[in-house]
Protein backbone atom coordinates (compact mmCIF):
# COMPACT_ATOMS: atom_id res chain seq x y z
CA MET A 1 56.40 63.34 -96.17
CA PRO A 2 56.78 64.24 -92.45
CA VAL A 3 53.72 64.06 -90.24
CA ALA A 4 53.35 66.12 -87.09
CA VAL A 5 51.81 64.30 -84.14
CA LEU A 6 50.12 66.45 -81.53
CA ARG A 7 51.95 65.73 -78.27
CA GLY A 8 50.20 68.18 -76.00
CA VAL A 9 48.50 71.45 -75.24
CA THR A 10 49.64 74.04 -72.68
CA LEU A 11 47.36 76.56 -70.97
CA ASP A 12 48.59 79.87 -69.57
CA CYS A 13 47.57 80.56 -65.97
CA ALA A 14 48.59 82.28 -62.75
CA ASP A 15 48.90 79.07 -60.68
CA PRO A 16 49.97 75.92 -62.56
CA GLN A 17 49.67 73.63 -59.52
CA THR A 18 46.05 74.60 -58.84
CA LEU A 19 44.96 74.29 -62.46
CA ALA A 20 46.77 70.96 -62.87
CA SER A 21 45.02 69.65 -59.76
CA PHE A 22 41.65 70.68 -61.22
CA TYR A 23 42.24 69.00 -64.60
CA GLY A 24 43.91 65.97 -63.02
CA ALA A 25 40.83 65.35 -60.88
CA LEU A 26 38.50 66.02 -63.83
CA THR A 27 40.30 63.74 -66.31
CA GLY A 28 42.15 61.20 -64.19
CA MET A 29 45.44 62.27 -65.78
CA ARG A 30 48.55 62.10 -63.60
CA THR A 31 51.51 64.42 -63.13
CA LEU A 32 54.30 63.86 -65.63
CA PHE A 33 56.43 66.87 -64.64
CA SER A 34 56.11 69.65 -62.08
CA SER A 35 58.07 72.81 -61.29
CA ASP A 36 57.15 76.21 -59.88
CA GLY A 37 56.34 77.54 -63.33
CA TYR A 38 55.02 74.51 -65.23
CA VAL A 39 53.06 71.32 -64.63
CA ALA A 40 52.34 68.63 -67.21
CA LEU A 41 49.70 65.92 -66.89
CA THR A 42 49.58 62.75 -68.97
CA ASP A 43 47.70 59.52 -69.41
CA ASP A 44 48.43 56.23 -71.14
CA SER A 45 48.22 57.88 -74.58
CA ALA A 46 51.44 59.91 -74.00
CA PHE A 47 49.49 63.12 -74.64
CA ALA A 48 50.43 65.91 -72.21
CA LEU A 49 48.23 68.69 -70.91
CA GLY A 50 50.43 71.48 -69.59
CA PHE A 51 49.91 74.50 -67.36
CA GLN A 52 52.34 77.40 -67.63
CA LYS A 53 52.71 80.25 -65.14
CA VAL A 54 52.32 83.67 -66.75
CA ASP A 55 53.04 86.82 -64.78
CA ARG A 56 50.09 89.25 -64.80
CA TYR A 57 47.84 86.54 -66.23
CA ARG A 58 44.42 87.84 -67.28
CA ALA A 59 41.62 85.29 -67.43
CA PRO A 60 39.60 85.12 -70.64
CA GLN A 61 36.15 86.68 -70.46
CA TRP A 62 33.51 84.43 -71.88
CA PRO A 63 31.30 85.02 -73.72
CA GLY A 64 32.71 88.58 -73.83
CA GLN A 65 35.73 89.38 -75.94
CA ASP A 66 37.57 92.03 -73.88
CA VAL A 67 40.08 89.28 -73.04
CA PRO A 68 39.20 86.63 -75.64
CA PRO A 69 39.78 82.92 -75.12
CA GLN A 70 42.46 81.80 -77.53
CA LEU A 71 41.47 78.15 -77.32
CA HIS A 72 39.16 75.90 -75.40
CA LEU A 73 39.21 72.22 -74.57
CA ASP A 74 36.39 69.77 -75.35
CA PHE A 75 35.82 66.74 -73.12
CA ARG A 76 33.61 63.81 -74.08
CA ALA A 77 31.71 62.03 -71.31
CA ASP A 78 29.30 59.11 -71.20
CA ASP A 79 27.38 61.00 -68.50
CA VAL A 80 27.63 64.76 -69.07
CA ASP A 81 25.52 65.55 -66.00
CA GLU A 82 27.87 63.57 -63.75
CA LEU A 83 30.99 65.15 -65.26
CA GLU A 84 29.47 68.62 -64.93
CA GLU A 85 28.73 67.99 -61.24
CA LEU A 86 32.33 66.85 -60.69
CA ALA A 87 33.74 69.88 -62.50
CA LEU A 88 31.61 72.24 -60.43
CA ARG A 89 32.67 70.54 -57.18
CA LEU A 90 36.31 70.93 -58.29
CA GLY A 91 35.91 74.69 -58.78
CA ALA A 92 34.55 75.17 -62.29
CA VAL A 93 31.85 77.78 -62.92
CA LYS A 94 28.89 77.39 -65.27
CA PRO A 95 28.20 80.70 -67.03
CA ASP A 96 24.65 81.71 -67.85
CA HIS A 97 25.40 81.89 -71.59
CA GLN A 98 25.11 78.34 -72.97
CA PRO A 99 25.20 78.14 -76.78
CA GLY A 100 24.44 75.01 -78.78
CA ASP A 101 20.83 74.41 -77.74
CA GLY A 102 21.92 71.88 -75.11
CA ARG A 103 24.15 69.82 -77.42
CA TRP A 104 27.14 70.67 -75.18
CA ARG A 105 27.83 72.58 -71.99
CA VAL A 106 30.33 75.35 -71.46
CA LEU A 107 32.10 75.66 -68.12
CA LEU A 108 34.97 77.89 -66.96
CA ASP A 109 37.95 76.33 -65.19
CA PRO A 110 39.39 77.92 -62.02
CA ALA A 111 41.66 80.15 -64.17
CA GLY A 112 38.75 81.31 -66.35
CA HIS A 113 39.43 79.18 -69.47
CA PRO A 114 36.22 78.00 -71.13
CA PHE A 115 35.90 74.27 -71.79
CA CYS A 116 33.07 72.15 -73.15
CA LEU A 117 31.50 68.90 -72.05
CA THR A 118 29.96 66.83 -74.84
CA PRO A 119 28.18 63.46 -74.97
């Protein structure tokens, strides 16, 4: 029976270069491919994280649902405080609404996508 192997995830955004720079600095991933409309990052696992330019991009509103997030990324860290500080220095925003009773933290990337930091 065939098995599908997840090769990557692509996020819509207005500026692929800027968002790729943010996630590259956050994760240590490096550029695999880059064009005006698409950037892909990778690491030694061969997984790719892509960023695709979308005309008239509208950032998700979190926790609101007027423009709902259609996915979010979860990142594990040995030191969540340290990773949060790095993300904020790179341009992430920490919204006031933080579900999960402190078990994880929700941040918004520079394009407005929510992502979580977990221990």
